[in-house]
């Protein structure tokens, strides 16, 4: 699994003109990509990493502060543009594999006590955020 994590002061995702998920105040915007060999164990590990990641102010984590997370599926994180001008998406897991694993990350975060908002899997989404810092990390699990 691959995630792009941004510390934000606010973030939202809109689908077909309506807000599907939003967080206000300090928190994390998380784009999650799934590849073919990912499984529920990796989803749990990613959730634990996100919950304890100390990138909020004063080196605190969401688990320390109760800060919310906005999790959005993002198959393009596995795009490969090393050759030519058109990215290849072959490393991205197909929807029937990826969707349950993104859901597993969200479920595990909630089981850990996190307040989690989400986008809609497979939808055409508009993501808005205010990156705080800016702080942006790429995680590989």
Protein backbone atom coordinates (compact mmCIF):
# COMPACT_ATOMS: atom_id res chain seq x y z
CA UNK A 1 0.00 0.00 0.00
CA UNK A 2 1.09 3.51 -0.71
CA UNK A 3 -0.20 6.68 0.92
CA UNK A 4 0.41 10.37 0.46
CA UNK A 5 -0.18 12.06 3.81
CA UNK A 6 -0.58 15.80 4.23
CA UNK A 7 -0.92 17.74 7.44
CA UNK A 8 -3.87 20.05 6.84
CA UNK A 9 -5.77 22.79 8.59
CA UNK A 10 -8.87 21.74 6.59
CA UNK A 11 -9.78 19.38 3.77
CA UNK A 12 -12.86 18.23 1.90
CA UNK A 13 -13.89 15.98 -0.96
CA UNK A 14 -16.86 16.77 -3.19
CA UNK A 15 -18.71 14.30 -5.43
CA UNK A 16 -21.34 15.49 -7.93
CA UNK A 17 -21.64 18.86 -6.20
CA UNK A 18 -22.12 17.55 -2.66
CA UNK A 19 -19.54 17.27 0.11
CA UNK A 20 -18.84 13.57 0.67
CA UNK A 21 -16.37 14.13 3.51
CA UNK A 22 -14.67 17.04 5.25
CA UNK A 23 -12.44 17.78 8.21
CA UNK A 24 -11.84 21.10 9.94
CA UNK A 25 -9.03 22.02 12.25
CA UNK A 26 -5.67 20.27 12.29
CA UNK A 27 -5.70 16.78 10.83
CA UNK A 28 -4.43 14.55 8.04
CA UNK A 29 -5.46 14.27 4.40
CA UNK A 30 -4.57 10.75 3.24
CA UNK A 31 -4.58 9.51 -0.36
CA UNK A 32 -4.41 5.69 -0.40
CA UNK A 33 -3.31 3.52 -3.30
CA UNK A 34 -3.48 -0.28 -3.43
CA UNK A 35 -1.34 -2.65 -5.48
CA UNK A 36 -1.84 -6.33 -6.35
CA UNK A 37 -0.07 -7.98 -3.39
CA UNK A 38 -1.66 -5.84 -0.68
CA UNK A 39 -3.81 -7.49 1.96
CA UNK A 40 -5.69 -6.77 5.20
CA UNK A 41 -2.52 -7.07 7.28
CA UNK A 42 -0.98 -4.23 5.28
CA UNK A 43 -4.19 -2.22 5.65
CA UNK A 44 -4.04 -2.62 9.44
CA UNK A 45 -0.36 -1.67 9.45
CA UNK A 46 -1.04 1.46 7.38
CA UNK A 47 -3.89 2.49 9.68
CA UNK A 48 -1.69 2.07 12.77
CA UNK A 49 1.09 4.07 11.12
CA UNK A 50 -1.30 6.90 10.21
CA UNK A 51 -2.86 6.97 13.69
CA UNK A 52 0.53 7.24 15.39
CA UNK A 53 2.41 9.37 12.83
CA UNK A 54 3.92 12.30 14.70
CA UNK A 55 3.62 15.07 12.10
CA UNK A 56 1.09 17.34 13.78
CA UNK A 57 2.33 20.42 15.63
CA UNK A 58 4.73 19.79 18.53
CA UNK A 59 5.49 16.32 17.08
CA UNK A 60 2.10 14.98 18.07
CA UNK A 61 -0.04 12.40 16.32
CA UNK A 62 -3.75 11.99 15.64
CA UNK A 63 -3.80 9.47 18.49
CA UNK A 64 -2.35 12.12 20.82
CA UNK A 65 -4.75 14.91 19.84
CA UNK A 66 -7.84 13.23 18.44
CA UNK A 67 -7.23 15.01 15.13
CA UNK A 68 -9.42 13.79 12.24
CA UNK A 69 -8.35 12.13 9.00
CA UNK A 70 -9.84 12.41 5.52
CA UNK A 71 -9.07 9.20 3.58
CA UNK A 72 -9.50 9.14 -0.20
CA UNK A 73 -8.78 6.22 -2.53
CA UNK A 74 -6.23 7.11 -5.21
CA UNK A 75 -5.27 4.43 -7.73
CA UNK A 76 -3.05 6.91 -9.59
CA UNK A 77 -0.47 6.62 -6.78
CA UNK A 78 0.61 3.46 -8.61
CA UNK A 79 0.89 5.17 -12.00
CA UNK A 80 4.20 4.67 -13.79
CA UNK A 81 5.30 7.43 -16.18
CA UNK A 82 8.94 6.39 -16.64
CA UNK A 83 8.35 5.56 -20.31
CA UNK A 84 6.59 7.79 -22.78
CA UNK A 85 3.98 10.39 -21.97
CA UNK A 86 1.07 8.15 -20.99
CA UNK A 87 1.23 6.62 -17.49
CA UNK A 88 0.72 2.91 -17.05
CA UNK A 89 -1.72 1.82 -14.35
CA UNK A 90 -0.80 -1.88 -14.30
CA UNK A 91 0.63 -1.71 -10.76
CA UNK A 92 -2.70 -0.42 -9.37
CA UNK A 93 -4.99 -3.12 -8.02
CA UNK A 94 -8.41 -3.34 -9.72
CA UNK A 95 -11.44 -1.92 -7.92
CA UNK A 96 -12.76 -5.23 -6.55
CA UNK A 97 -9.37 -5.78 -4.84
CA UNK A 98 -8.64 -2.18 -3.86
CA UNK A 99 -11.99 -1.02 -2.48
CA UNK A 100 -12.20 -3.53 0.40
CA UNK A 101 -8.61 -2.72 1.39
CA UNK A 102 -9.21 1.04 1.46
CA UNK A 103 -12.33 0.29 3.51
CA UNK A 104 -10.19 -1.86 5.83
CA UNK A 105 -7.80 1.06 6.45
CA UNK A 106 -10.77 3.26 7.37
CA UNK A 107 -12.36 0.57 9.57
CA UNK A 108 -9.09 -0.04 11.42
CA UNK A 109 -8.57 3.69 11.99
CA UNK A 110 -12.07 3.92 13.44
CA UNK A 111 -11.43 0.86 15.61
CA UNK A 112 -8.35 2.66 16.97
CA UNK A 113 -10.58 5.62 17.91
CA UNK A 114 -10.02 7.93 14.95
CA UNK A 115 -12.59 10.30 13.50
CA UNK A 116 -12.42 9.48 9.79
CA UNK A 117 -14.14 11.06 6.82
CA UNK A 118 -13.89 9.56 3.34
CA UNK A 119 -14.39 10.16 -0.34
CA UNK A 120 -16.33 7.72 -2.54
CA UNK A 121 -14.44 4.86 -4.14
CA UNK A 122 -14.32 5.13 -7.93
CA UNK A 123 -16.13 8.47 -8.05
CA UNK A 124 -14.98 11.58 -9.87
CA UNK A 125 -13.93 13.58 -6.81
CA UNK A 126 -12.85 17.15 -6.21
CA UNK A 127 -10.41 17.39 -3.31
CA UNK A 128 -9.72 20.71 -1.59
CA UNK A 129 -7.25 21.19 1.21
CA UNK A 130 -5.10 23.69 3.02
CA UNK A 131 -1.71 22.05 3.53
CA UNK A 132 -0.29 23.13 6.89
CA UNK A 133 3.43 23.63 6.89
CA UNK A 134 3.50 22.42 4.20
CA UNK A 135 4.01 18.88 5.42
CA UNK A 136 3.64 16.01 2.93
CA UNK A 137 4.95 12.44 3.27
CA UNK A 138 4.83 9.35 1.09
CA UNK A 139 4.36 6.09 3.04
CA UNK A 140 5.00 2.59 1.66
CA UNK A 141 3.69 -0.39 3.60
